[in-house]
Amino acid sequence: MRPWTCRRPHFLTTFDSPASAITCARAVIGSMREIGVDLRIGLHTGECDIVGSELRGIAVHIGARVASQAAAGEILASQTVKDLVAGSAIEFQDRGSHEQGVPGDWRLYSVV
């Protein structure tokens, strides 16, 4: 019998608002931590195209790259997400700027 190994499965989910995405991410991180699983979540918002049953576009790629920068158990968000929830009670910690495979540096924030 071979032991089960996880090859870092990825999930892509869409939301009506960045605040809804953050609320869900917090719930998922908390629930999974209770069973000993630490997820990495990356949040970005932008225009996407639906082609058949697939979601495509630069925003999808940026979101995946944001997630790849997150530490285990961390919710990492782009500057775009942070700006869109300004005025809410959601707090962020600056994680510096990173290259995302698109022109320029992207400032990323950990959701507190």
PDB file of N, CA and C in Angstrom:
ATOM      1  N   MET A   1       0.830  -1.176   0.000  1.00  0.00           N
ATOM      2  CA  MET A   1       0.000   0.000   0.000  1.00  0.00           C
ATOM      3  C   MET A   1       0.878   1.244   0.000  1.00  0.00           C
ATOM      4  N   ARG A   2       0.629   2.156  -0.908  1.00  0.00           N
ATOM      5  CA  ARG A   2       1.417   3.382  -0.992  1.00  0.00           C
ATOM      6  C   ARG A   2       0.762   4.481  -0.167  1.00  0.00           C
ATOM      7  N   PRO A   3       1.577   5.258   0.546  1.00  0.00           N
ATOM      8  CA  PRO A   3       0.999   6.364   1.311  1.00  0.00           C
ATOM      9  C   PRO A   3       0.443   7.429   0.367  1.00  0.00           C
ATOM     10  N   TRP A   4      -0.606   8.073   0.817  1.00  0.00           N
ATOM     11  CA  TRP A   4      -1.221   9.142   0.030  1.00  0.00           C
ATOM     12  C   TRP A   4      -0.369  10.393   0.126  1.00  0.00           C
ATOM     13  N   THR A   5      -0.116  11.000  -0.991  1.00  0.00           N
ATOM     14  CA  THR A   5       0.617  12.266  -0.993  1.00  0.00           C
ATOM     15  C   THR A   5      -0.197  13.310  -1.733  1.00  0.00           C
ATOM     16  N   CYS A   6      -0.131  14.501  -1.251  1.00  0.00           N
ATOM     17  CA  CYS A   6      -0.853  15.610  -1.860  1.00  0.00           C
ATOM     18  C   CYS A   6       0.097  16.384  -2.762  1.00  0.00           C
ATOM     19  N   ARG A   7      -0.296  16.604  -3.960  1.00  0.00           N
ATOM     20  CA  ARG A   7       0.529  17.362  -4.895  1.00  0.00           C
ATOM     21  C   ARG A   7       0.048  18.800  -4.989  1.00  0.00           C
ATOM     22  N   ARG A   8      -0.227  19.385  -3.845  1.00  0.00           N
ATOM     23  CA  ARG A   8      -0.679  20.764  -3.757  1.00  0.00           C
ATOM     24  C   ARG A   8      -1.868  21.055  -4.668  1.00  0.00           C
ATOM     25  N   PRO A   9      -3.005  20.520  -4.333  1.00  0.00           N
ATOM     26  CA  PRO A   9      -4.186  20.824  -5.155  1.00  0.00           C
ATOM     27  C   PRO A   9      -4.518  22.309  -5.082  1.00  0.00           C
ATOM     28  N   HIS A  10      -5.053  22.819  -6.156  1.00  0.00           N
ATOM     29  CA  HIS A  10      -5.415  24.235  -6.243  1.00  0.00           C
ATOM     30  C   HIS A  10      -6.911  24.355  -6.468  1.00  0.00           C
ATOM     31  N   PHE A  11      -7.496  25.341  -5.846  1.00  0.00           N
ATOM     32  CA  PHE A  11      -8.912  25.617  -6.019  1.00  0.00           C
ATOM     33  C   PHE A  11      -9.071  27.066  -6.427  1.00  0.00           C
ATOM     34  N   LEU A  12      -9.973  27.331  -7.328  1.00  0.00           N
ATOM     35  CA  LEU A  12     -10.281  28.682  -7.771  1.00  0.00           C
ATOM     36  C   LEU A  12     -11.758  28.918  -7.505  1.00  0.00           C
ATOM     37  N   THR A  13     -12.044  29.980  -6.777  1.00  0.00           N
ATOM     38  CA  THR A  13     -13.419  30.299  -6.427  1.00  0.00           C
ATOM     39  C   THR A  13     -13.665  31.767  -6.724  1.00  0.00           C
ATOM     40  N   THR A  14     -14.867  32.079  -7.170  1.00  0.00           N
ATOM     41  CA  THR A  14     -15.226  33.473  -7.435  1.00  0.00           C
ATOM     42  C   THR A  14     -16.239  33.946  -6.393  1.00  0.00           C
ATOM     43  N   PHE A  15     -16.226  35.244  -6.141  1.00  0.00           N
ATOM     44  CA  PHE A  15     -17.114  35.862  -5.155  1.00  0.00           C
ATOM     45  C   PHE A  15     -17.681  37.153  -5.723  1.00  0.00           C
ATOM     46  N   ASP A  16     -18.769  37.603  -5.096  1.00  0.00           N
ATOM     47  CA  ASP A  16     -19.392  38.859  -5.505  1.00  0.00           C
ATOM     48  C   ASP A  16     -18.612  40.077  -5.029  1.00  0.00           C
ATOM     49  N   SER A  17     -17.809  39.908  -3.970  1.00  0.00           N
ATOM     50  CA  SER A  17     -17.051  41.046  -3.438  1.00  0.00           C
ATOM     51  C   SER A  17     -15.778  40.548  -2.759  1.00  0.00           C
ATOM     52  N   PRO A  18     -14.764  41.412  -2.669  1.00  0.00           N
ATOM     53  CA  PRO A  18     -13.542  41.025  -1.968  1.00  0.00           C
ATOM     54  C   PRO A  18     -13.792  40.724  -0.486  1.00  0.00           C
ATOM     55  N   ALA A  19     -14.704  41.460   0.154  1.00  0.00           N
ATOM     56  CA  ALA A  19     -15.006  41.211   1.568  1.00  0.00           C
ATOM     57  C   ALA A  19     -15.598  39.817   1.756  1.00  0.00           C
ATOM     58  N   SER A  20     -16.446  39.382   0.834  1.00  0.00           N
ATOM     59  CA  SER A  20     -17.008  38.024   0.903  1.00  0.00           C
ATOM     60  C   SER A  20     -15.907  36.978   0.756  1.00  0.00           C
ATOM     61  N   ALA A  21     -14.961  37.234  -0.113  1.00  0.00           N
ATOM     62  CA  ALA A  21     -13.847  36.306  -0.302  1.00  0.00           C
ATOM     63  C   ALA A  21     -13.016  36.200   0.971  1.00  0.00           C
ATOM     64  N   ILE A  22     -12.768  37.322   1.621  1.00  0.00           N
ATOM     65  CA  ILE A  22     -11.989  37.328   2.858  1.00  0.00           C
ATOM     66  C   ILE A  22     -12.736  36.580   3.958  1.00  0.00           C
ATOM     67  N   THR A  23     -14.037  36.823   4.082  1.00  0.00           N
ATOM     68  CA  THR A  23     -14.849  36.134   5.088  1.00  0.00           C
ATOM     69  C   THR A  23     -14.793  34.625   4.881  1.00  0.00           C
ATOM     70  N   CYS A  24     -14.940  34.185   3.654  1.00  0.00           N
ATOM     71  CA  CYS A  24     -14.876  32.758   3.341  1.00  0.00           C
ATOM     72  C   CYS A  24     -13.479  32.206   3.613  1.00  0.00           C
ATOM     73  N   ALA A  25     -12.458  32.932   3.203  1.00  0.00           N
ATOM     74  CA  ALA A  25     -11.078  32.468   3.407  1.00  0.00           C
ATOM     75  C   ALA A  25     -10.782  32.277   4.891  1.00  0.00           C
ATOM     76  N   ARG A  26     -11.236  33.211   5.721  1.00  0.00           N
ATOM     77  CA  ARG A  26     -11.030  33.080   7.173  1.00  0.00           C
ATOM     78  C   ARG A  26     -11.716  31.826   7.703  1.00  0.00           C
ATOM     79  N   ALA A  27     -12.942  31.577   7.262  1.00  0.00           N
ATOM     80  CA  ALA A  27     -13.693  30.403   7.724  1.00  0.00           C
ATOM     81  C   ALA A  27     -13.006  29.108   7.285  1.00  0.00           C
ATOM     82  N   VAL A  28     -12.554  29.064   6.046  1.00  0.00           N
ATOM     83  CA  VAL A  28     -11.901  27.863   5.523  1.00  0.00           C
ATOM     84  C   VAL A  28     -10.574  27.614   6.247  1.00  0.00           C
ATOM     85  N   ILE A  29      -9.774  28.660   6.414  1.00  0.00           N
ATOM     86  CA  ILE A  29      -8.494  28.523   7.125  1.00  0.00           C
ATOM     87  C   ILE A  29      -8.734  27.991   8.537  1.00  0.00           C
ATOM     88  N   GLY A  30      -9.709  28.575   9.240  1.00  0.00           N
ATOM     89  CA  GLY A  30     -10.007  28.150  10.606  1.00  0.00           C
ATOM     90  C   GLY A  30     -10.498  26.720  10.681  1.00  0.00           C
ATOM     91  N   SER A  31     -11.405  26.343   9.796  1.00  0.00           N
ATOM     92  CA  SER A  31     -11.943  24.982   9.792  1.00  0.00           C
ATOM     93  C   SER A  31     -10.874  23.946   9.481  1.00  0.00           C
ATOM     94  N   MET A  32     -10.060  24.226   8.516  1.00  0.00           N
ATOM     95  CA  MET A  32      -9.025  23.267   8.132  1.00  0.00           C
ATOM     96  C   MET A  32      -7.940  23.167   9.197  1.00  0.00           C
ATOM     97  N   ARG A  33      -7.638  24.271   9.858  1.00  0.00           N
ATOM     98  CA  ARG A  33      -6.638  24.239  10.932  1.00  0.00           C
ATOM     99  C   ARG A  33      -7.086  23.306  12.050  1.00  0.00           C
ATOM    100  N   GLU A  34      -8.403  23.268  12.314  1.00  0.00           N
ATOM    101  CA  GLU A  34      -8.945  22.394  13.363  1.00  0.00           C
ATOM    102  C   GLU A  34      -8.666  20.914  13.100  1.00  0.00           C
ATOM    103  N   ILE A  35      -8.520  20.535  11.839  1.00  0.00           N
ATOM    104  CA  ILE A  35      -8.228  19.131  11.523  1.00  0.00           C
ATOM    105  C   ILE A  35      -6.754  18.921  11.141  1.00  0.00           C
ATOM    106  N   GLY A  36      -5.942  19.939  11.405  1.00  0.00           N
ATOM    107  CA  GLY A  36      -4.503  19.806  11.199  1.00  0.00           C
ATOM    108  C   GLY A  36      -4.010  20.092   9.801  1.00  0.00           C
ATOM    109  N   VAL A  37      -4.792  20.817   9.013  1.00  0.00           N
ATOM    110  CA  VAL A  37      -4.387  21.145   7.646  1.00  0.00           C
ATOM    111  C   VAL A  37      -4.212  22.654   7.531  1.00  0.00           C
ATOM    112  N   ASP A  38      -3.041  23.088   7.113  1.00  0.00           N
ATOM    113  CA  ASP A  38      -2.780  24.506   6.895  1.00  0.00           C
ATOM    114  C   ASP A  38      -2.830  24.812   5.405  1.00  0.00           C
ATOM    115  N   LEU A  39      -3.756  25.648   5.022  1.00  0.00           N
ATOM    116  CA  LEU A  39      -3.892  26.062   3.624  1.00  0.00           C
ATOM    117  C   LEU A  39      -3.166  27.371   3.385  1.00  0.00           C
ATOM    118  N   ARG A  40      -2.884  27.638   2.129  1.00  0.00           N
ATOM    119  CA  ARG A  40      -2.369  28.929   1.692  1.00  0.00           C
ATOM    120  C   ARG A  40      -3.425  29.508   0.774  1.00  0.00           C
ATOM    121  N   ILE A  41      -3.863  30.730   1.067  1.00  0.00           N
ATOM    122  CA  ILE A  41      -4.906  31.339   0.247  1.00  0.00           C
ATOM    123  C   ILE A  41      -4.407  32.666  -0.302  1.00  0.00           C
ATOM    124  N   GLY A  42      -4.630  32.866  -1.604  1.00  0.00           N
ATOM    125  CA  GLY A  42      -4.287  34.121  -2.255  1.00  0.00           C
ATOM    126  C   GLY A  42      -5.537  34.760  -2.823  1.00  0.00           C
ATOM    127  N   LEU A  43      -5.690  36.063  -2.597  1.00  0.00           N
ATOM    128  CA  LEU A  43      -6.862  36.794  -3.068  1.00  0.00           C
ATOM    129  C   LEU A  43      -6.456  37.928  -4.001  1.00  0.00           C
ATOM    130  N   HIS A  44      -7.143  37.988  -5.117  1.00  0.00           N
ATOM    131  CA  HIS A  44      -6.966  39.087  -6.071  1.00  0.00           C
ATOM    132  C   HIS A  44      -8.312  39.291  -6.752  1.00  0.00           C
ATOM    133  N   THR A  45      -8.543  40.463  -7.248  1.00  0.00           N
ATOM    134  CA  THR A  45      -9.774  40.723  -7.980  1.00  0.00           C
ATOM    135  C   THR A  45      -9.441  41.409  -9.295  1.00  0.00           C
ATOM    136  N   GLY A  46     -10.228  41.103 -10.304  1.00  0.00           N
ATOM    137  CA  GLY A  46     -10.011  41.693 -11.614  1.00  0.00           C
ATOM    138  C   GLY A  46     -10.946  41.081 -12.635  1.00  0.00           C
ATOM    139  N   GLU A  47     -10.835  41.553 -13.850  1.00  0.00           N
ATOM    140  CA  GLU A  47     -11.674  41.069 -14.942  1.00  0.00           C
ATOM    141  C   GLU A  47     -11.239  39.675 -15.372  1.00  0.00           C
ATOM    142  N   CYS A  48     -12.216  38.818 -15.596  1.00  0.00           N
ATOM    143  CA  CYS A  48     -11.967  37.448 -16.050  1.00  0.00           C
ATOM    144  C   CYS A  48     -12.883  37.135 -17.226  1.00  0.00           C
ATOM    145  N   ASP A  49     -12.499  36.159 -17.998  1.00  0.00           N
ATOM    146  CA  ASP A  49     -13.318  35.671 -19.101  1.00  0.00           C
ATOM    147  C   ASP A  49     -13.762  34.252 -18.785  1.00  0.00           C
ATOM    148  N   ILE A  50     -15.007  33.941 -19.108  1.00  0.00           N
ATOM    149  CA  ILE A  50     -15.499  32.580 -18.972  1.00  0.00           C
ATOM    150  C   ILE A  50     -15.495  31.964 -20.367  1.00  0.00           C
ATOM    151  N   VAL A  51     -14.698  30.919 -20.526  1.00  0.00           N
ATOM    152  CA  VAL A  51     -14.581  30.218 -21.793  1.00  0.00           C
ATOM    153  C   VAL A  51     -14.998  28.777 -21.544  1.00  0.00           C
ATOM    154  N   GLY A  52     -16.191  28.439 -22.011  1.00  0.00           N
ATOM    155  CA  GLY A  52     -16.743  27.117 -21.708  1.00  0.00           C
ATOM    156  C   GLY A  52     -16.993  27.037 -20.217  1.00  0.00           C
ATOM    157  N   SER A  53     -16.350  26.092 -19.570  1.00  0.00           N
ATOM    158  CA  SER A  53     -16.494  25.964 -18.113  1.00  0.00           C
ATOM    159  C   SER A  53     -15.256  26.475 -17.379  1.00  0.00           C
ATOM    160  N   GLU A  54     -14.378  27.163 -18.086  1.00  0.00           N
ATOM    161  CA  GLU A  54     -13.131  27.646 -17.483  1.00  0.00           C
ATOM    162  C   GLU A  54     -13.143  29.151 -17.297  1.00  0.00           C
ATOM    163  N   LEU A  55     -12.510  29.570 -16.208  1.00  0.00           N
ATOM    164  CA  LEU A  55     -12.312  30.988 -15.928  1.00  0.00           C
ATOM    165  C   LEU A  55     -10.896  31.333 -16.356  1.00  0.00           C
ATOM    166  N   ARG A  56     -10.743  32.362 -17.170  1.00  0.00           N
ATOM    167  CA  ARG A  56      -9.428  32.718 -17.707  1.00  0.00           C
ATOM    168  C   ARG A  56      -9.196  34.208 -17.583  1.00  0.00           C
ATOM    169  N   GLY A  57      -7.946  34.585 -17.717  1.00  0.00           N
ATOM    170  CA  GLY A  57      -7.584  35.988 -17.719  1.00  0.00           C
ATOM    171  C   GLY A  57      -6.409  36.272 -16.806  1.00  0.00           C
ATOM    172  N   ILE A  58      -5.860  37.469 -16.953  1.00  0.00           N
ATOM    173  CA  ILE A  58      -4.685  37.857 -16.178  1.00  0.00           C
ATOM    174  C   ILE A  58      -4.977  37.850 -14.684  1.00  0.00           C
ATOM    175  N   ALA A  59      -6.210  38.188 -14.287  1.00  0.00           N
ATOM    176  CA  ALA A  59      -6.558  38.198 -12.858  1.00  0.00           C
ATOM    177  C   ALA A  59      -6.443  36.800 -12.247  1.00  0.00           C
ATOM    178  N   VAL A  60      -6.763  35.770 -13.021  1.00  0.00           N
ATOM    179  CA  VAL A  60      -6.641  34.389 -12.546  1.00  0.00           C
ATOM    180  C   VAL A  60      -5.169  34.065 -12.289  1.00  0.00           C
ATOM    181  N   HIS A  61      -4.306  34.464 -13.203  1.00  0.00           N
ATOM    182  CA  HIS A  61      -2.877  34.193 -13.064  1.00  0.00           C
ATOM    183  C   HIS A  61      -2.281  34.963 -11.890  1.00  0.00           C
ATOM    184  N   ILE A  62      -2.684  36.207 -11.728  1.00  0.00           N
ATOM    185  CA  ILE A  62      -2.174  37.002 -10.609  1.00  0.00           C
ATOM    186  C   ILE A  62      -2.630  36.385  -9.287  1.00  0.00           C
ATOM    187  N   GLY A  63      -3.894  35.983  -9.194  1.00  0.00           N
ATOM    188  CA  GLY A  63      -4.396  35.340  -7.982  1.00  0.00           C
ATOM    189  C   GLY A  63      -3.600  34.103  -7.618  1.00  0.00           C
ATOM    190  N   ALA A  64      -3.269  33.289  -8.606  1.00  0.00           N
ATOM    191  CA  ALA A  64      -2.475  32.085  -8.360  1.00  0.00           C
ATOM    192  C   ALA A  64      -1.080  32.440  -7.857  1.00  0.00           C
ATOM    193  N   ARG A  65      -0.514  33.500  -8.402  1.00  0.00           N
ATOM    194  CA  ARG A  65       0.815  33.924  -7.968  1.00  0.00           C
ATOM    195  C   ARG A  65       0.785  34.514  -6.562  1.00  0.00           C
ATOM    196  N   VAL A  66      -0.288  35.217  -6.225  1.00  0.00           N
ATOM    197  CA  VAL A  66      -0.447  35.722  -4.856  1.00  0.00           C
ATOM    198  C   VAL A  66      -0.503  34.540  -3.893  1.00  0.00           C
ATOM    199  N   ALA A  67      -1.288  33.521  -4.225  1.00  0.00           N
ATOM    200  CA  ALA A  67      -1.393  32.332  -3.373  1.00  0.00           C
ATOM    201  C   ALA A  67      -0.038  31.651  -3.199  1.00  0.00           C
ATOM    202  N   SER A  68       0.768  31.626  -4.237  1.00  0.00           N
ATOM    203  CA  SER A  68       2.069  30.954  -4.153  1.00  0.00           C
ATOM    204  C   SER A  68       3.014  31.662  -3.190  1.00  0.00           C
ATOM    205  N   GLN A  69       2.776  32.930  -2.900  1.00  0.00           N
ATOM    206  CA  GLN A  69       3.611  33.687  -1.960  1.00  0.00           C
ATOM    207  C   GLN A  69       3.154  33.528  -0.509  1.00  0.00           C
ATOM    208  N   ALA A  70       1.939  33.008  -0.301  1.00  0.00           N
ATOM    209  CA  ALA A  70       1.391  32.874   1.052  1.00  0.00           C
ATOM    210  C   ALA A  70       2.085  31.761   1.823  1.00  0.00           C
ATOM    211  N   ALA A  71       2.230  31.980   3.110  1.00  0.00           N
ATOM    212  CA  ALA A  71       2.771  30.946   3.995  1.00  0.00           C
ATOM    213  C   ALA A  71       1.637  30.013   4.413  1.00  0.00           C
ATOM    214  N   ALA A  72       1.978  28.862   4.960  1.00  0.00           N
ATOM    215  CA  ALA A  72       0.967  27.919   5.438  1.00  0.00           C
ATOM    216  C   ALA A  72       0.086  28.604   6.485  1.00  0.00           C
ATOM    217  N   GLY A  73      -1.224  28.485   6.314  1.00  0.00           N
ATOM    218  CA  GLY A  73      -2.168  29.095   7.241  1.00  0.00           C
ATOM    219  C   GLY A  73      -2.400  30.576   7.028  1.00  0.00           C
ATOM    220  N   GLU A  74      -1.897  31.119   5.927  1.00  0.00           N
ATOM    221  CA  GLU A  74      -1.981  32.568   5.680  1.00  0.00           C
ATOM    222  C   GLU A  74      -2.944  32.897   4.545  1.00  0.00           C
ATOM    223  N   ILE A  75      -3.627  34.017   4.701  1.00  0.00           N
ATOM    224  CA  ILE A  75      -4.449  34.591   3.633  1.00  0.00           C
ATOM    225  C   ILE A  75      -3.696  35.812   3.141  1.00  0.00           C
ATOM    226  N   LEU A  76      -3.280  35.785   1.896  1.00  0.00           N
ATOM    227  CA  LEU A  76      -2.510  36.874   1.308  1.00  0.00           C
ATOM    228  C   LEU A  76      -3.361  37.553   0.250  1.00  0.00           C
ATOM    229  N   ALA A  77      -3.385  38.882   0.270  1.00  0.00           N
ATOM    230  CA  ALA A  77      -4.212  39.644  -0.663  1.00  0.00           C
ATOM    231  C   ALA A  77      -3.372  40.654  -1.430  1.00  0.00           C
ATOM    232  N   SER A  78      -3.819  40.949  -2.631  1.00  0.00           N
ATOM    233  CA  SER A  78      -3.164  41.963  -3.443  1.00  0.00           C
ATOM    234  C   SER A  78      -3.579  43.353  -2.970  1.00  0.00           C
ATOM    235  N   GLN A  79      -2.842  44.355  -3.398  1.00  0.00           N
ATOM    236  CA  GLN A  79      -3.173  45.751  -3.101  1.00  0.00           C
ATOM    237  C   GLN A  79      -4.581  46.079  -3.593  1.00  0.00           C
ATOM    238  N   THR A  80      -4.967  45.495  -4.719  1.00  0.00           N
ATOM    239  CA  THR A  80      -6.294  45.733  -5.284  1.00  0.00           C
ATOM    240  C   THR A  80      -7.387  45.327  -4.305  1.00  0.00           C
ATOM    241  N   VAL A  81      -7.250  44.159  -3.705  1.00  0.00           N
ATOM    242  CA  VAL A  81      -8.228  43.679  -2.720  1.00  0.00           C
ATOM    243  C   VAL A  81      -8.242  44.618  -1.515  1.00  0.00           C
ATOM    244  N   LYS A  82      -7.074  44.963  -1.016  1.00  0.00           N
ATOM    245  CA  LYS A  82      -6.981  45.853   0.149  1.00  0.00           C
ATOM    246  C   LYS A  82      -7.678  47.183  -0.131  1.00  0.00           C
ATOM    247  N   ASP A  83      -7.432  47.754  -1.298  1.00  0.00           N
ATOM    248  CA  ASP A  83      -8.041  49.038  -1.655  1.00  0.00           C
ATOM    249  C   ASP A  83      -9.561  48.943  -1.720  1.00  0.00           C
ATOM    250  N   LEU A  84     -10.075  47.841  -2.229  1.00  0.00           N
ATOM    251  CA  LEU A  84     -11.523  47.698  -2.395  1.00  0.00           C
ATOM    252  C   LEU A  84     -12.279  47.490  -1.084  1.00  0.00           C
ATOM    253  N   VAL A  85     -11.596  47.064  -0.025  1.00  0.00           N
ATOM    254  CA  VAL A  85     -12.275  46.896   1.259  1.00  0.00           C
ATOM    255  C   VAL A  85     -11.923  48.024   2.237  1.00  0.00           C
ATOM    256  N   ALA A  86     -11.321  49.088   1.721  1.00  0.00           N
ATOM    257  CA  ALA A  86     -10.982  50.242   2.570  1.00  0.00           C
ATOM    258  C   ALA A  86     -12.237  50.731   3.286  1.00  0.00           C
ATOM    259  N   GLY A  87     -12.082  51.052   4.558  1.00  0.00           N
ATOM    260  CA  GLY A  87     -13.210  51.518   5.352  1.00  0.00           C
ATOM    261  C   GLY A  87     -13.913  50.400   6.098  1.00  0.00           C
ATOM    262  N   SER A  88     -13.571  49.163   5.798  1.00  0.00           N
ATOM    263  CA  SER A  88     -14.153  48.029   6.520  1.00  0.00           C
ATOM    264  C   SER A  88     -13.313  47.778   7.781  1.00  0.00           C
ATOM    265  N   ALA A  89     -13.724  46.825   8.562  1.00  0.00           N
ATOM    266  CA  ALA A  89     -12.984  46.469   9.773  1.00  0.00           C
ATOM    267  C   ALA A  89     -11.859  45.475   9.488  1.00  0.00           C
ATOM    268  N   ILE A  90     -11.655  45.133   8.227  1.00  0.00           N
ATOM    269  CA  ILE A  90     -10.629  44.152   7.863  1.00  0.00           C
ATOM    270  C   ILE A  90      -9.257  44.805   7.976  1.00  0.00           C
ATOM    271  N   GLU A  91      -8.350  44.118   8.676  1.00  0.00           N
ATOM    272  CA  GLU A  91      -6.999  44.636   8.872  1.00  0.00           C
ATOM    273  C   GLU A  91      -5.994  43.817   8.066  1.00  0.00           C
ATOM    274  N   PHE A  92      -4.956  44.509   7.630  1.00  0.00           N
ATOM    275  CA  PHE A  92      -3.919  43.886   6.814  1.00  0.00           C
ATOM    276  C   PHE A  92      -2.549  44.200   7.387  1.00  0.00           C
ATOM    277  N   GLN A  93      -1.605  43.301   7.117  1.00  0.00           N
ATOM    278  CA  GLN A  93      -0.212  43.532   7.462  1.00  0.00           C
ATOM    279  C   GLN A  93       0.586  43.511   6.163  1.00  0.00           C
ATOM    280  N   ASP A  94       1.364  44.542   5.937  1.00  0.00           N
ATOM    281  CA  ASP A  94       2.160  44.669   4.715  1.00  0.00           C
ATOM    282  C   ASP A  94       3.188  43.549   4.645  1.00  0.00           C
ATOM    283  N   ARG A  95       3.235  42.867   3.492  1.00  0.00           N
ATOM    284  CA  ARG A  95       4.211  41.791   3.265  1.00  0.00           C
ATOM    285  C   ARG A  95       5.211  42.150   2.171  1.00  0.00           C
ATOM    286  N   GLY A  96       5.220  43.437   1.789  1.00  0.00           N
ATOM    287  CA  GLY A  96       6.199  43.897   0.823  1.00  0.00           C
ATOM    288  C   GLY A  96       5.749  43.717  -0.614  1.00  0.00           C
ATOM    289  N   SER A  97       6.635  44.110  -1.520  1.00  0.00           N
ATOM    290  CA  SER A  97       6.301  43.996  -2.942  1.00  0.00           C
ATOM    291  C   SER A  97       6.970  42.759  -3.535  1.00  0.00           C
ATOM    292  N   HIS A  98       6.292  42.197  -4.531  1.00  0.00           N
ATOM    293  CA  HIS A  98       6.744  40.967  -5.163  1.00  0.00           C
ATOM    294  C   HIS A  98       6.480  41.065  -6.654  1.00  0.00           C
ATOM    295  N   GLU A  99       7.301  40.383  -7.433  1.00  0.00           N
ATOM    296  CA  GLU A  99       7.038  40.265  -8.861  1.00  0.00           C
ATOM    297  C   GLU A  99       5.990  39.185  -9.053  1.00  0.00           C
ATOM    298  N   GLN A 100       5.016  39.443  -9.916  1.00  0.00           N
ATOM    299  CA  GLN A 100       3.928  38.486 -10.123  1.00  0.00           C
ATOM    300  C   GLN A 100       3.913  37.914 -11.539  1.00  0.00           C
ATOM    301  N   GLY A 101       4.973  38.122 -12.286  1.00  0.00           N
ATOM    302  CA  GLY A 101       4.998  37.607 -13.650  1.00  0.00           C
ATOM    303  C   GLY A 101       4.287  38.526 -14.636  1.00  0.00           C
ATOM    304  N   VAL A 102       3.882  39.676 -14.157  1.00  0.00           N
ATOM    305  CA  VAL A 102       3.300  40.721 -14.992  1.00  0.00           C
ATOM    306  C   VAL A 102       4.107  41.985 -14.711  1.00  0.00           C
ATOM    307  N   PRO A 103       4.046  42.977 -15.591  1.00  0.00           N
ATOM    308  CA  PRO A 103       4.882  44.161 -15.403  1.00  0.00           C
ATOM    309  C   PRO A 103       4.710  44.816 -14.028  1.00  0.00           C
ATOM    310  N   GLY A 104       5.837  45.207 -13.443  1.00  0.00           N
ATOM    311  CA  GLY A 104       5.838  45.926 -12.179  1.00  0.00           C
ATOM    312  C   GLY A 104       5.864  45.022 -10.962  1.00  0.00           C
ATOM    313  N   ASP A 105       6.077  45.662  -9.825  1.00  0.00           N
ATOM    314  CA  ASP A 105       6.022  44.957  -8.547  1.00  0.00           C
ATOM    315  C   ASP A 105       4.615  45.085  -7.978  1.00  0.00           C
ATOM    316  N   TRP A 106       4.194  44.072  -7.261  1.00  0.00           N
ATOM    317  CA  TRP A 106       2.867  44.035  -6.662  1.00  0.00           C
ATOM    318  C   TRP A 106       3.015  43.982  -5.146  1.00  0.00           C
ATOM    319  N   ARG A 107       2.389  44.928  -4.457  1.00  0.00           N
ATOM    320  CA  ARG A 107       2.413  44.935  -2.995  1.00  0.00           C
ATOM    321  C   ARG A 107       1.382  43.931  -2.496  1.00  0.00           C
ATOM    322  N   LEU A 108       1.818  43.087  -1.558  1.00  0.00           N
ATOM    323  CA  LEU A 108       0.951  42.058  -1.002  1.00  0.00           C
ATOM    324  C   LEU A 108       0.752  42.297   0.494  1.00  0.00           C
ATOM    325  N   TYR A 109      -0.411  41.849   0.987  1.00  0.00           N
ATOM    326  CA  TYR A 109      -0.801  42.059   2.381  1.00  0.00           C
ATOM    327  C   TYR A 109      -1.361  40.771   2.955  1.00  0.00           C
ATOM    328  N   SER A 110      -0.973  40.487   4.195  1.00  0.00           N
ATOM    329  CA  SER A 110      -1.532  39.353   4.921  1.00  0.00           C
ATOM    330  C   SER A 110      -2.797  39.839   5.622  1.00  0.00           C
ATOM    331  N   VAL A 111      -3.874  39.069   5.504  1.00  0.00           N
ATOM    332  CA  VAL A 111      -5.113  39.414   6.195  1.00  0.00           C
ATOM    333  C   VAL A 111      -4.948  39.038   7.660  1.00  0.00           C
ATOM    334  N   VAL A 112      -5.160  40.001   8.565  1.00  0.00           N
ATOM    335  CA  VAL A 112      -4.982  39.783  10.010  1.00  0.00           C
ATOM    336  C   VAL A 112      -6.225  39.104  10.561  1.00  0.00           C
TER     337      VAL A 112
END
